[in-house]
Amino acid sequence: MLALKIIIGRTRDGRAADLVTPWVIDRAERHGSFEVDVLDLRDWPLPMFAETMHTVGNFADPTYSDPIVRTWNQRIKEGEAFLFVTPEYNHSVPGVLKNAIDNVFVSFAFRNKPAAFVGYSGGVAGGVRAIEHLAQIAVEAEVVPLRNTVLVSKVQTFFNENTPRDPLSDVSLGIVLDDLTWWGNALQQARAAGELRPGSARLRAAMAAQT
């Protein structure tokens, strides 16, 4: 069983995430491939990212500037696959989600693990632009973003008693969960066989060797 972290990327009162996530969590738990751990950012009041190389402490076992940042990094490191649930704000993701990703610092806890996305909005786009941006952010965090996604458009009328009105939406979520299973297992084996050091670390080493 893969350790799947479902990250709920919105925290405000009255959020539409509360319409979407029961469905996502239920299908992930019923899929049979995952040990599901829900990381609701409401439960993680992370500070605005302010870490530096001096605040992390011991690089082998970082302490960070705040205990919650250390715990957050540890929980992310336990994950073997990630499923982000995000709305769209101003063509991008909520700041609280970007901050949560930024706070995974030095631990490389996301590195070489697959991530998929569920986007939602009150309009017809279903959060597609947020997902496009989130995929770019994921690449920089060295997550492996997957191609297939789930789009929840007109979220207020999308569900009928926690079930999508369009059966193809269940199919789309099933495809995403299957993809996460395949990639999660493949990358788990690849990591076990040995990982390259992060490119940034290799570049710093090369620069130091030239001085």
N, C-alpha and C. Protein backbone atom coordinates (compact mmCIF):
# COMPACT_ATOMS: atom_id res chain seq x y z
N MET A 1 0.85 -1.20 0.00
CA MET A 1 0.00 0.00 0.00
C MET A 1 0.88 1.25 0.00
N LEU A 2 0.53 2.18 -0.83
CA LEU A 2 1.28 3.43 -0.92
C LEU A 2 0.73 4.44 0.08
N ALA A 3 1.63 5.20 0.68
CA ALA A 3 1.23 6.28 1.58
C ALA A 3 0.82 7.48 0.73
N LEU A 4 -0.48 7.71 0.61
CA LEU A 4 -1.02 8.82 -0.18
C LEU A 4 -1.38 9.97 0.73
N LYS A 5 -0.81 11.12 0.47
CA LYS A 5 -1.15 12.35 1.19
C LYS A 5 -2.10 13.18 0.33
N ILE A 6 -3.31 13.39 0.83
CA ILE A 6 -4.26 14.28 0.16
C ILE A 6 -4.16 15.64 0.83
N ILE A 7 -3.72 16.63 0.08
CA ILE A 7 -3.48 17.96 0.63
C ILE A 7 -4.61 18.89 0.20
N ILE A 8 -5.36 19.38 1.19
CA ILE A 8 -6.47 20.30 0.93
C ILE A 8 -5.93 21.72 0.97
N GLY A 9 -5.98 22.40 -0.18
CA GLY A 9 -5.24 23.63 -0.34
C GLY A 9 -5.99 24.91 -0.07
N ARG A 10 -7.13 24.84 0.62
CA ARG A 10 -7.84 26.07 0.96
C ARG A 10 -8.32 26.00 2.39
N THR A 11 -8.33 27.16 3.07
CA THR A 11 -8.62 27.18 4.51
C THR A 11 -9.76 28.11 4.90
N ARG A 12 -10.27 28.94 4.01
CA ARG A 12 -11.21 29.97 4.43
C ARG A 12 -12.57 29.36 4.81
N ASP A 13 -13.33 30.09 5.62
CA ASP A 13 -14.67 29.66 5.99
C ASP A 13 -15.55 29.56 4.75
N GLY A 14 -16.45 28.59 4.76
CA GLY A 14 -17.37 28.42 3.64
C GLY A 14 -16.73 27.89 2.38
N ARG A 15 -15.56 27.32 2.49
CA ARG A 15 -14.83 26.86 1.31
C ARG A 15 -15.58 25.74 0.59
N ALA A 16 -15.50 25.77 -0.73
CA ALA A 16 -16.13 24.73 -1.54
C ALA A 16 -15.35 23.42 -1.48
N ALA A 17 -14.14 23.47 -0.93
CA ALA A 17 -13.38 22.23 -0.75
C ALA A 17 -14.16 21.21 0.06
N ASP A 18 -15.02 21.68 0.96
CA ASP A 18 -15.79 20.76 1.79
C ASP A 18 -16.85 20.00 0.99
N LEU A 19 -17.15 20.48 -0.22
CA LEU A 19 -18.02 19.72 -1.12
C LEU A 19 -17.23 18.68 -1.90
N VAL A 20 -15.99 18.98 -2.20
CA VAL A 20 -15.18 18.15 -3.09
C VAL A 20 -14.44 17.04 -2.34
N THR A 21 -13.86 17.38 -1.20
CA THR A 21 -12.95 16.43 -0.56
C THR A 21 -13.61 15.16 -0.02
N PRO A 22 -14.85 15.16 0.47
CA PRO A 22 -15.43 13.88 0.90
C PRO A 22 -15.46 12.85 -0.23
N TRP A 23 -15.78 13.31 -1.44
CA TRP A 23 -15.79 12.43 -2.61
C TRP A 23 -14.38 11.91 -2.92
N VAL A 24 -13.41 12.81 -2.94
CA VAL A 24 -12.04 12.43 -3.26
C VAL A 24 -11.49 11.44 -2.24
N ILE A 25 -11.70 11.74 -0.96
CA ILE A 25 -11.19 10.86 0.10
C ILE A 25 -11.86 9.48 0.03
N ASP A 26 -13.17 9.47 -0.16
CA ASP A 26 -13.89 8.21 -0.24
C ASP A 26 -13.37 7.34 -1.37
N ARG A 27 -13.20 7.91 -2.55
CA ARG A 27 -12.74 7.12 -3.69
C ARG A 27 -11.30 6.65 -3.50
N ALA A 28 -10.47 7.49 -2.90
CA ALA A 28 -9.09 7.09 -2.65
C ALA A 28 -9.02 5.93 -1.65
N GLU A 29 -9.84 5.99 -0.61
CA GLU A 29 -9.85 4.92 0.38
C GLU A 29 -10.40 3.62 -0.20
N ARG A 30 -11.39 3.74 -1.08
CA ARG A 30 -11.99 2.56 -1.69
C ARG A 30 -11.16 1.98 -2.83
N HIS A 31 -10.19 2.73 -3.32
CA HIS A 31 -9.38 2.27 -4.44
C HIS A 31 -8.60 1.01 -4.08
N GLY A 32 -8.12 0.95 -2.85
CA GLY A 32 -7.44 -0.24 -2.39
C GLY A 32 -5.93 -0.22 -2.50
N SER A 33 -5.37 0.84 -3.06
CA SER A 33 -3.92 0.90 -3.25
C SER A 33 -3.21 1.77 -2.23
N PHE A 34 -3.98 2.49 -1.38
CA PHE A 34 -3.39 3.56 -0.60
C PHE A 34 -3.70 3.46 0.90
N GLU A 35 -2.75 3.93 1.66
CA GLU A 35 -3.00 4.34 3.04
C GLU A 35 -3.18 5.86 2.98
N VAL A 36 -4.40 6.30 3.18
CA VAL A 36 -4.74 7.70 2.94
C VAL A 36 -4.52 8.53 4.19
N ASP A 37 -3.81 9.63 4.04
CA ASP A 37 -3.57 10.59 5.11
C ASP A 37 -3.99 11.96 4.58
N VAL A 38 -5.01 12.56 5.19
CA VAL A 38 -5.51 13.86 4.75
C VAL A 38 -4.77 14.96 5.49
N LEU A 39 -4.13 15.84 4.74
CA LEU A 39 -3.43 16.99 5.30
C LEU A 39 -4.24 18.24 4.94
N ASP A 40 -5.11 18.61 5.83
CA ASP A 40 -5.95 19.79 5.64
C ASP A 40 -5.19 21.00 6.15
N LEU A 41 -4.91 21.96 5.27
CA LEU A 41 -4.09 23.10 5.68
C LEU A 41 -4.75 23.94 6.78
N ARG A 42 -6.05 23.74 7.03
CA ARG A 42 -6.65 24.36 8.20
C ARG A 42 -5.99 23.89 9.49
N ASP A 43 -5.49 22.68 9.47
CA ASP A 43 -4.86 22.09 10.66
C ASP A 43 -3.37 22.37 10.72
N TRP A 44 -2.85 23.11 9.74
CA TRP A 44 -1.42 23.36 9.66
C TRP A 44 -1.18 24.87 9.51
N PRO A 45 -1.24 25.61 10.62
CA PRO A 45 -1.00 27.06 10.56
C PRO A 45 0.49 27.37 10.38
N LEU A 46 0.98 27.05 9.21
CA LEU A 46 2.40 27.25 8.93
C LEU A 46 2.74 28.74 8.85
N PRO A 47 3.90 29.12 9.35
CA PRO A 47 4.30 30.53 9.20
C PRO A 47 4.57 30.85 7.75
N MET A 48 4.48 32.12 7.41
CA MET A 48 4.91 32.53 6.07
C MET A 48 6.38 32.17 5.90
N PHE A 49 6.68 31.60 4.79
CA PHE A 49 8.01 31.04 4.57
C PHE A 49 9.10 32.07 4.82
N ALA A 50 10.01 31.72 5.73
CA ALA A 50 11.10 32.62 6.06
C ALA A 50 12.38 31.86 6.38
N GLU A 51 12.42 30.57 6.01
CA GLU A 51 13.61 29.77 6.33
C GLU A 51 14.81 30.24 5.50
N THR A 52 15.98 30.08 6.10
CA THR A 52 17.23 30.29 5.39
C THR A 52 18.13 29.10 5.71
N MET A 53 19.26 29.04 5.08
CA MET A 53 20.20 27.96 5.38
C MET A 53 20.63 27.98 6.84
N HIS A 54 20.49 29.16 7.50
CA HIS A 54 20.92 29.27 8.90
C HIS A 54 19.84 28.83 9.88
N THR A 55 18.57 28.80 9.45
CA THR A 55 17.50 28.46 10.39
C THR A 55 17.19 26.97 10.42
N VAL A 56 17.70 26.21 9.45
CA VAL A 56 17.31 24.80 9.39
C VAL A 56 18.07 23.94 10.38
N GLY A 57 19.18 24.46 10.91
CA GLY A 57 19.96 23.67 11.86
C GLY A 57 20.76 22.60 11.15
N ASN A 58 20.73 21.40 11.68
CA ASN A 58 21.47 20.26 11.13
C ASN A 58 20.81 19.82 9.82
N PHE A 59 21.52 19.89 8.72
CA PHE A 59 20.93 19.53 7.43
C PHE A 59 20.51 18.07 7.39
N ALA A 60 21.20 17.21 8.14
CA ALA A 60 20.85 15.79 8.15
C ALA A 60 19.55 15.54 8.90
N ASP A 61 19.22 16.43 9.82
CA ASP A 61 17.98 16.32 10.60
C ASP A 61 17.52 17.73 10.95
N PRO A 62 16.96 18.46 9.98
CA PRO A 62 16.68 19.90 10.16
C PRO A 62 15.73 20.17 11.32
N THR A 63 16.01 21.25 12.04
CA THR A 63 15.14 21.67 13.14
C THR A 63 14.21 22.80 12.71
N TYR A 64 14.64 23.64 11.76
CA TYR A 64 13.85 24.76 11.25
C TYR A 64 13.61 25.82 12.33
N SER A 65 12.93 26.89 11.92
CA SER A 65 12.71 28.02 12.81
C SER A 65 11.48 27.85 13.67
N ASP A 66 10.64 26.87 13.36
CA ASP A 66 9.39 26.66 14.09
C ASP A 66 9.10 25.16 14.11
N PRO A 67 8.70 24.60 15.26
CA PRO A 67 8.45 23.15 15.33
C PRO A 67 7.44 22.65 14.31
N ILE A 68 6.43 23.47 13.98
CA ILE A 68 5.41 23.00 13.05
C ILE A 68 5.99 22.81 11.65
N VAL A 69 7.00 23.59 11.30
CA VAL A 69 7.64 23.44 10.00
C VAL A 69 8.39 22.10 9.95
N ARG A 70 9.04 21.76 11.04
CA ARG A 70 9.74 20.47 11.13
C ARG A 70 8.74 19.32 10.99
N THR A 71 7.63 19.40 11.72
CA THR A 71 6.63 18.34 11.67
C THR A 71 6.02 18.22 10.29
N TRP A 72 5.76 19.36 9.66
CA TRP A 72 5.21 19.37 8.30
C TRP A 72 6.15 18.67 7.33
N ASN A 73 7.43 18.98 7.40
CA ASN A 73 8.40 18.33 6.54
C ASN A 73 8.44 16.82 6.79
N GLN A 74 8.32 16.43 8.04
CA GLN A 74 8.34 15.00 8.35
C GLN A 74 7.12 14.29 7.77
N ARG A 75 5.94 14.91 7.87
CA ARG A 75 4.72 14.30 7.35
C ARG A 75 4.78 14.18 5.82
N ILE A 76 5.30 15.21 5.17
CA ILE A 76 5.44 15.15 3.72
C ILE A 76 6.44 14.07 3.32
N LYS A 77 7.51 13.95 4.08
CA LYS A 77 8.54 12.95 3.76
C LYS A 77 7.98 11.53 3.84
N GLU A 78 6.98 11.31 4.69
CA GLU A 78 6.35 9.99 4.81
C GLU A 78 5.56 9.63 3.56
N GLY A 79 5.16 10.62 2.77
CA GLY A 79 4.32 10.37 1.61
C GLY A 79 5.07 9.69 0.48
N GLU A 80 4.34 8.85 -0.24
CA GLU A 80 4.88 8.20 -1.44
C GLU A 80 4.13 8.64 -2.70
N ALA A 81 3.02 9.33 -2.50
CA ALA A 81 2.25 9.91 -3.60
C ALA A 81 1.41 11.04 -3.00
N PHE A 82 1.06 12.03 -3.85
CA PHE A 82 0.35 13.20 -3.36
C PHE A 82 -0.82 13.52 -4.29
N LEU A 83 -1.92 13.93 -3.67
CA LEU A 83 -3.09 14.38 -4.41
C LEU A 83 -3.50 15.73 -3.84
N PHE A 84 -3.34 16.77 -4.65
CA PHE A 84 -3.65 18.13 -4.23
C PHE A 84 -5.07 18.49 -4.64
N VAL A 85 -5.82 19.09 -3.72
CA VAL A 85 -7.16 19.59 -4.01
C VAL A 85 -7.10 21.11 -3.89
N THR A 86 -7.35 21.82 -4.99
CA THR A 86 -7.16 23.27 -4.98
C THR A 86 -8.25 24.00 -5.75
N PRO A 87 -8.66 25.16 -5.24
CA PRO A 87 -9.47 26.07 -6.05
C PRO A 87 -8.56 26.93 -6.92
N GLU A 88 -9.17 27.80 -7.68
CA GLU A 88 -8.41 28.73 -8.51
C GLU A 88 -8.69 30.15 -8.05
N TYR A 89 -7.60 30.89 -7.80
CA TYR A 89 -7.71 32.31 -7.45
C TYR A 89 -6.74 33.09 -8.32
N ASN A 90 -7.27 34.03 -9.09
CA ASN A 90 -6.43 34.89 -9.92
C ASN A 90 -5.48 34.07 -10.80
N HIS A 91 -6.04 33.05 -11.45
CA HIS A 91 -5.29 32.19 -12.38
C HIS A 91 -4.23 31.35 -11.68
N SER A 92 -4.33 31.15 -10.37
CA SER A 92 -3.31 30.39 -9.67
C SER A 92 -3.91 29.72 -8.44
N VAL A 93 -3.03 29.22 -7.58
CA VAL A 93 -3.45 28.51 -6.38
C VAL A 93 -3.53 29.48 -5.20
N PRO A 94 -4.24 29.12 -4.14
CA PRO A 94 -4.26 29.97 -2.95
C PRO A 94 -2.86 30.14 -2.37
N GLY A 95 -2.62 31.30 -1.80
CA GLY A 95 -1.31 31.57 -1.21
C GLY A 95 -0.96 30.58 -0.11
N VAL A 96 -1.96 30.09 0.64
CA VAL A 96 -1.68 29.18 1.73
C VAL A 96 -1.12 27.86 1.21
N LEU A 97 -1.55 27.45 0.01
CA LEU A 97 -1.00 26.22 -0.57
C LEU A 97 0.41 26.43 -1.07
N LYS A 98 0.64 27.53 -1.75
CA LYS A 98 2.00 27.83 -2.20
C LYS A 98 2.95 27.91 -1.02
N ASN A 99 2.50 28.52 0.07
CA ASN A 99 3.34 28.64 1.26
C ASN A 99 3.65 27.27 1.86
N ALA A 100 2.66 26.37 1.86
CA ALA A 100 2.87 25.03 2.41
C ALA A 100 3.93 24.28 1.61
N ILE A 101 3.92 24.46 0.29
CA ILE A 101 4.93 23.81 -0.55
C ILE A 101 6.29 24.46 -0.31
N ASP A 102 6.32 25.79 -0.23
CA ASP A 102 7.59 26.48 0.02
C ASP A 102 8.23 26.04 1.32
N ASN A 103 7.41 25.74 2.32
CA ASN A 103 7.94 25.36 3.63
C ASN A 103 8.55 23.96 3.65
N VAL A 104 8.39 23.22 2.56
CA VAL A 104 9.12 21.95 2.43
C VAL A 104 10.49 22.31 1.86
N PHE A 105 11.40 22.59 2.75
CA PHE A 105 12.66 23.23 2.42
C PHE A 105 13.81 22.39 2.98
N VAL A 106 14.80 22.15 2.17
CA VAL A 106 16.02 21.42 2.52
C VAL A 106 15.77 19.91 2.67
N SER A 107 14.63 19.52 3.18
CA SER A 107 14.35 18.08 3.36
C SER A 107 14.15 17.35 2.04
N PHE A 108 13.81 18.09 0.97
CA PHE A 108 13.51 17.48 -0.32
C PHE A 108 12.45 16.39 -0.19
N ALA A 109 11.47 16.63 0.69
CA ALA A 109 10.50 15.59 1.04
C ALA A 109 9.56 15.23 -0.11
N PHE A 110 9.36 16.14 -1.06
CA PHE A 110 8.52 15.86 -2.21
C PHE A 110 9.27 15.14 -3.33
N ARG A 111 10.57 15.08 -3.24
CA ARG A 111 11.42 14.76 -4.38
C ARG A 111 11.18 13.34 -4.91
N ASN A 112 11.04 13.25 -6.24
CA ASN A 112 10.92 11.98 -6.94
C ASN A 112 9.71 11.16 -6.51
N LYS A 113 8.61 11.87 -6.25
CA LYS A 113 7.35 11.23 -5.90
C LYS A 113 6.25 11.83 -6.78
N PRO A 114 5.23 11.04 -7.14
CA PRO A 114 4.21 11.54 -8.07
C PRO A 114 3.17 12.40 -7.37
N ALA A 115 2.62 13.34 -8.13
CA ALA A 115 1.54 14.19 -7.63
C ALA A 115 0.49 14.34 -8.71
N ALA A 116 -0.77 14.30 -8.30
CA ALA A 116 -1.89 14.56 -9.19
C ALA A 116 -2.75 15.65 -8.56
N PHE A 117 -3.70 16.17 -9.34
CA PHE A 117 -4.41 17.38 -8.93
C PHE A 117 -5.90 17.27 -9.19
N VAL A 118 -6.66 17.78 -8.22
CA VAL A 118 -8.10 17.98 -8.36
C VAL A 118 -8.34 19.47 -8.24
N GLY A 119 -8.86 20.08 -9.30
CA GLY A 119 -9.15 21.51 -9.27
C GLY A 119 -10.64 21.76 -9.29
N TYR A 120 -11.04 22.83 -8.63
CA TYR A 120 -12.47 23.17 -8.62
C TYR A 120 -12.65 24.68 -8.70
N SER A 121 -13.81 25.08 -9.21
CA SER A 121 -14.16 26.50 -9.24
C SER A 121 -15.66 26.63 -9.40
N GLY A 122 -16.14 27.84 -9.18
CA GLY A 122 -17.55 28.12 -9.35
C GLY A 122 -17.95 28.30 -10.80
N GLY A 123 -16.97 28.47 -11.68
CA GLY A 123 -17.24 28.66 -13.10
C GLY A 123 -17.02 27.39 -13.90
N VAL A 124 -16.89 27.56 -15.20
CA VAL A 124 -16.80 26.39 -16.08
C VAL A 124 -15.38 25.84 -16.19
N ALA A 125 -14.37 26.62 -15.81
CA ALA A 125 -12.98 26.20 -16.03
C ALA A 125 -12.55 25.10 -15.06
N GLY A 126 -13.20 24.98 -13.92
CA GLY A 126 -12.90 23.91 -13.00
C GLY A 126 -11.51 23.94 -12.40
N GLY A 127 -10.93 25.13 -12.31
CA GLY A 127 -9.60 25.25 -11.69
C GLY A 127 -8.45 24.86 -12.59
N VAL A 128 -8.68 24.79 -13.90
CA VAL A 128 -7.64 24.30 -14.80
C VAL A 128 -6.40 25.19 -14.78
N ARG A 129 -6.57 26.50 -14.65
CA ARG A 129 -5.40 27.38 -14.66
C ARG A 129 -4.61 27.26 -13.37
N ALA A 130 -5.30 27.01 -12.27
CA ALA A 130 -4.60 26.76 -11.02
C ALA A 130 -3.76 25.49 -11.11
N ILE A 131 -4.33 24.45 -11.74
CA ILE A 131 -3.60 23.20 -11.88
C ILE A 131 -2.39 23.38 -12.79
N GLU A 132 -2.54 24.14 -13.87
CA GLU A 132 -1.39 24.39 -14.75
C GLU A 132 -0.26 25.06 -13.99
N HIS A 133 -0.61 26.02 -13.15
CA HIS A 133 0.42 26.70 -12.36
C HIS A 133 0.99 25.78 -11.29
N LEU A 134 0.11 24.99 -10.66
CA LEU A 134 0.57 24.08 -9.60
C LEU A 134 1.53 23.04 -10.16
N ALA A 135 1.32 22.60 -11.38
CA ALA A 135 2.24 21.64 -11.99
C ALA A 135 3.63 22.25 -12.15
N GLN A 136 3.70 23.54 -12.49
CA GLN A 136 4.99 24.21 -12.60
C GLN A 136 5.67 24.32 -11.24
N ILE A 137 4.89 24.64 -10.22
CA ILE A 137 5.43 24.72 -8.86
C ILE A 137 5.94 23.34 -8.43
N ALA A 138 5.18 22.29 -8.77
CA ALA A 138 5.56 20.93 -8.40
C ALA A 138 6.90 20.55 -9.01
N VAL A 139 7.12 20.91 -10.28
CA VAL A 139 8.38 20.59 -10.92
C VAL A 139 9.55 21.22 -10.16
N GLU A 140 9.38 22.46 -9.74
CA GLU A 140 10.46 23.14 -9.02
C GLU A 140 10.72 22.49 -7.66
N ALA A 141 9.67 21.90 -7.07
CA ALA A 141 9.84 21.18 -5.80
C ALA A 141 10.33 19.76 -6.03
N GLU A 142 10.58 19.41 -7.29
CA GLU A 142 11.06 18.10 -7.71
C GLU A 142 10.04 17.00 -7.47
N VAL A 143 8.75 17.38 -7.42
CA VAL A 143 7.67 16.41 -7.49
C VAL A 143 7.51 16.00 -8.96
N VAL A 144 6.93 14.84 -9.20
CA VAL A 144 6.66 14.39 -10.56
C VAL A 144 5.17 14.60 -10.85
N PRO A 145 4.80 15.69 -11.53
CA PRO A 145 3.37 15.96 -11.77
C PRO A 145 2.83 15.06 -12.88
N LEU A 146 1.65 14.52 -12.68
CA LEU A 146 1.05 13.63 -13.66
C LEU A 146 0.14 14.40 -14.60
N ARG A 147 -0.05 13.84 -15.78
CA ARG A 147 -0.79 14.52 -16.82
C ARG A 147 -2.29 14.57 -16.53
N ASN A 148 -2.89 13.45 -16.14
CA ASN A 148 -4.34 13.38 -15.96
C ASN A 148 -4.77 14.09 -14.69
N THR A 149 -5.86 14.83 -14.77
CA THR A 149 -6.35 15.61 -13.64
C THR A 149 -7.86 15.45 -13.53
N VAL A 150 -8.41 16.00 -12.46
CA VAL A 150 -9.85 16.04 -12.26
C VAL A 150 -10.27 17.50 -12.15
N LEU A 151 -11.25 17.90 -12.95
CA LEU A 151 -11.74 19.27 -12.94
C LEU A 151 -13.19 19.28 -12.47
N VAL A 152 -13.44 20.05 -11.43
CA VAL A 152 -14.79 20.18 -10.87
C VAL A 152 -15.30 21.58 -11.20
N SER A 153 -16.12 21.68 -12.22
CA SER A 153 -16.66 22.98 -12.62
C SER A 153 -18.03 23.20 -11.98
N LYS A 154 -18.40 24.47 -11.84
CA LYS A 154 -19.67 24.83 -11.21
C LYS A 154 -19.89 23.99 -9.95
N VAL A 155 -18.93 24.14 -9.05
CA VAL A 155 -18.81 23.23 -7.92
C VAL A 155 -20.07 23.18 -7.05
N GLN A 156 -20.81 24.27 -6.98
CA GLN A 156 -21.98 24.31 -6.10
C GLN A 156 -23.09 23.37 -6.56
N THR A 157 -23.10 23.03 -7.84
CA THR A 157 -24.14 22.12 -8.35
C THR A 157 -23.54 20.85 -8.93
N PHE A 158 -22.27 20.59 -8.67
CA PHE A 158 -21.56 19.47 -9.28
C PHE A 158 -21.99 18.12 -8.70
N PHE A 159 -22.36 18.14 -7.41
CA PHE A 159 -22.63 16.89 -6.71
C PHE A 159 -24.11 16.71 -6.41
N ASN A 160 -24.49 15.46 -6.31
CA ASN A 160 -25.80 15.07 -5.82
C ASN A 160 -25.56 14.09 -4.67
N GLU A 161 -25.64 14.61 -3.43
CA GLU A 161 -25.37 13.81 -2.23
C GLU A 161 -23.98 13.16 -2.31
N ASN A 162 -22.97 13.98 -2.49
CA ASN A 162 -21.56 13.57 -2.51
C ASN A 162 -21.18 12.71 -3.71
N THR A 163 -22.06 12.59 -4.68
CA THR A 163 -21.77 11.84 -5.90
C THR A 163 -21.87 12.80 -7.08
N PRO A 164 -20.86 12.82 -7.96
CA PRO A 164 -20.95 13.72 -9.13
C PRO A 164 -22.17 13.40 -9.99
N ARG A 165 -22.79 14.44 -10.49
CA ARG A 165 -23.94 14.24 -11.36
C ARG A 165 -23.53 13.57 -12.68
N ASP A 166 -22.31 13.85 -13.12
CA ASP A 166 -21.80 13.25 -14.36
C ASP A 166 -20.95 12.03 -13.99
N PRO A 167 -21.35 10.82 -14.36
CA PRO A 167 -20.58 9.62 -14.01
C PRO A 167 -19.15 9.63 -14.53
N LEU A 168 -18.89 10.38 -15.58
CA LEU A 168 -17.53 10.43 -16.12
C LEU A 168 -16.55 11.10 -15.15
N SER A 169 -17.07 11.90 -14.23
CA SER A 169 -16.19 12.50 -13.23
C SER A 169 -15.61 11.43 -12.31
N ASP A 170 -16.43 10.43 -11.96
CA ASP A 170 -15.91 9.30 -11.19
C ASP A 170 -14.85 8.55 -11.99
N VAL A 171 -15.08 8.41 -13.28
CA VAL A 171 -14.11 7.75 -14.14
C VAL A 171 -12.79 8.53 -14.14
N SER A 172 -12.88 9.85 -14.26
CA SER A 172 -11.68 10.69 -14.27
C SER A 172 -10.88 10.54 -12.98
N LEU A 173 -11.58 10.53 -11.85
CA LEU A 173 -10.88 10.38 -10.58
C LEU A 173 -10.26 8.98 -10.48
N GLY A 174 -10.95 7.98 -10.98
CA GLY A 174 -10.37 6.63 -10.99
C GLY A 174 -9.11 6.55 -11.81
N ILE A 175 -9.10 7.22 -12.96
CA ILE A 175 -7.90 7.26 -13.80
C ILE A 175 -6.74 7.89 -13.05
N VAL A 176 -7.00 9.00 -12.36
CA VAL A 176 -5.97 9.68 -11.60
C VAL A 176 -5.41 8.77 -10.50
N LEU A 177 -6.29 8.08 -9.80
CA LEU A 177 -5.84 7.18 -8.73
C LEU A 177 -5.05 6.00 -9.28
N ASP A 178 -5.47 5.49 -10.44
CA ASP A 178 -4.69 4.43 -11.08
C ASP A 178 -3.30 4.93 -11.47
N ASP A 179 -3.24 6.14 -12.02
CA ASP A 179 -1.95 6.73 -12.40
C ASP A 179 -1.04 6.90 -11.19
N LEU A 180 -1.61 7.39 -10.10
CA LEU A 180 -0.82 7.58 -8.88
C LEU A 180 -0.29 6.24 -8.36
N THR A 181 -1.09 5.20 -8.51
CA THR A 181 -0.65 3.87 -8.08
C THR A 181 0.55 3.41 -8.91
N TRP A 182 0.41 3.51 -10.24
CA TRP A 182 1.49 3.04 -11.11
C TRP A 182 2.77 3.83 -10.88
N TRP A 183 2.64 5.15 -10.93
CA TRP A 183 3.82 6.00 -10.75
C TRP A 183 4.38 5.91 -9.34
N GLY A 184 3.49 5.79 -8.35
CA GLY A 184 3.96 5.67 -6.98
C GLY A 184 4.81 4.43 -6.79
N ASN A 185 4.36 3.29 -7.35
CA ASN A 185 5.14 2.06 -7.23
C ASN A 185 6.43 2.13 -8.03
N ALA A 186 6.34 2.69 -9.24
CA ALA A 186 7.54 2.78 -10.08
C ALA A 186 8.60 3.67 -9.44
N LEU A 187 8.18 4.80 -8.93
CA LEU A 187 9.16 5.72 -8.33
C LEU A 187 9.65 5.23 -6.98
N GLN A 188 8.83 4.49 -6.27
CA GLN A 188 9.27 3.86 -5.02
C GLN A 188 10.43 2.91 -5.29
N GLN A 189 10.30 2.10 -6.34
CA GLN A 189 11.37 1.19 -6.71
C GLN A 189 12.61 1.95 -7.18
N ALA A 190 12.39 3.01 -7.94
CA ALA A 190 13.53 3.79 -8.43
C ALA A 190 14.30 4.45 -7.28
N ARG A 191 13.57 4.98 -6.29
CA ARG A 191 14.25 5.60 -5.15
C ARG A 191 15.03 4.56 -4.36
N ALA A 192 14.46 3.36 -4.22
CA ALA A 192 15.13 2.30 -3.48
C ALA A 192 16.42 1.85 -4.17
N ALA A 193 16.44 1.98 -5.48
CA ALA A 193 17.63 1.58 -6.24
C ALA A 193 18.74 2.61 -6.17
N GLY A 194 18.42 3.80 -5.66
CA GLY A 194 19.42 4.85 -5.52
C GLY A 194 19.02 6.11 -6.24
N GLU A 195 19.21 7.25 -5.60
CA GLU A 195 18.81 8.54 -6.16
C GLU A 195 20.04 9.41 -6.42
N LEU A 196 19.96 10.18 -7.47
CA LEU A 196 20.95 11.24 -7.66
C LEU A 196 20.80 12.28 -6.57
N ARG A 197 21.88 12.92 -6.22
CA ARG A 197 21.77 14.07 -5.34
C ARG A 197 20.99 15.17 -6.07
N PRO A 198 20.27 16.02 -5.33
CA PRO A 198 19.56 17.13 -5.99
C PRO A 198 20.50 17.92 -6.90
N GLY A 199 19.97 18.35 -8.03
CA GLY A 199 20.78 19.09 -8.99
C GLY A 199 21.39 20.34 -8.39
N SER A 200 20.65 21.02 -7.50
CA SER A 200 21.17 22.24 -6.88
C SER A 200 22.40 21.92 -6.03
N ALA A 201 22.39 20.77 -5.35
CA ALA A 201 23.54 20.38 -4.53
C ALA A 201 24.74 20.04 -5.41
N ARG A 202 24.48 19.37 -6.53
CA ARG A 202 25.58 19.03 -7.44
C ARG A 202 26.19 20.27 -8.07
N LEU A 203 25.32 21.24 -8.37
CA LEU A 203 25.83 22.49 -8.95
C LEU A 203 26.68 23.25 -7.95
N ARG A 204 26.22 23.32 -6.68
CA ARG A 204 27.01 24.01 -5.65
C ARG A 204 28.36 23.33 -5.47
N ALA A 205 28.37 22.00 -5.51
CA ALA A 205 29.63 21.28 -5.36
C ALA A 205 30.58 21.58 -6.51
N ALA A 206 30.02 21.66 -7.73
CA ALA A 206 30.86 21.97 -8.89
C ALA A 206 31.41 23.39 -8.80
N MET A 207 30.59 24.33 -8.33
CA MET A 207 31.04 25.70 -8.19
C MET A 207 32.13 25.80 -7.12
N ALA A 208 31.96 25.08 -6.03
CA ALA A 208 32.97 25.09 -4.96
C ALA A 208 34.29 24.51 -5.43
N ALA A 209 34.22 23.50 -6.29
CA ALA A 209 35.43 22.88 -6.79
C ALA A 209 36.24 23.79 -7.69
N GLN A 210 35.57 24.80 -8.25
CA GLN A 210 36.25 25.74 -9.14
C GLN A 210 36.93 26.88 -8.41
N THR A 211 36.61 27.03 -7.11
CA THR A 211 37.20 28.16 -6.36
C THR A 211 38.51 27.76 -5.71
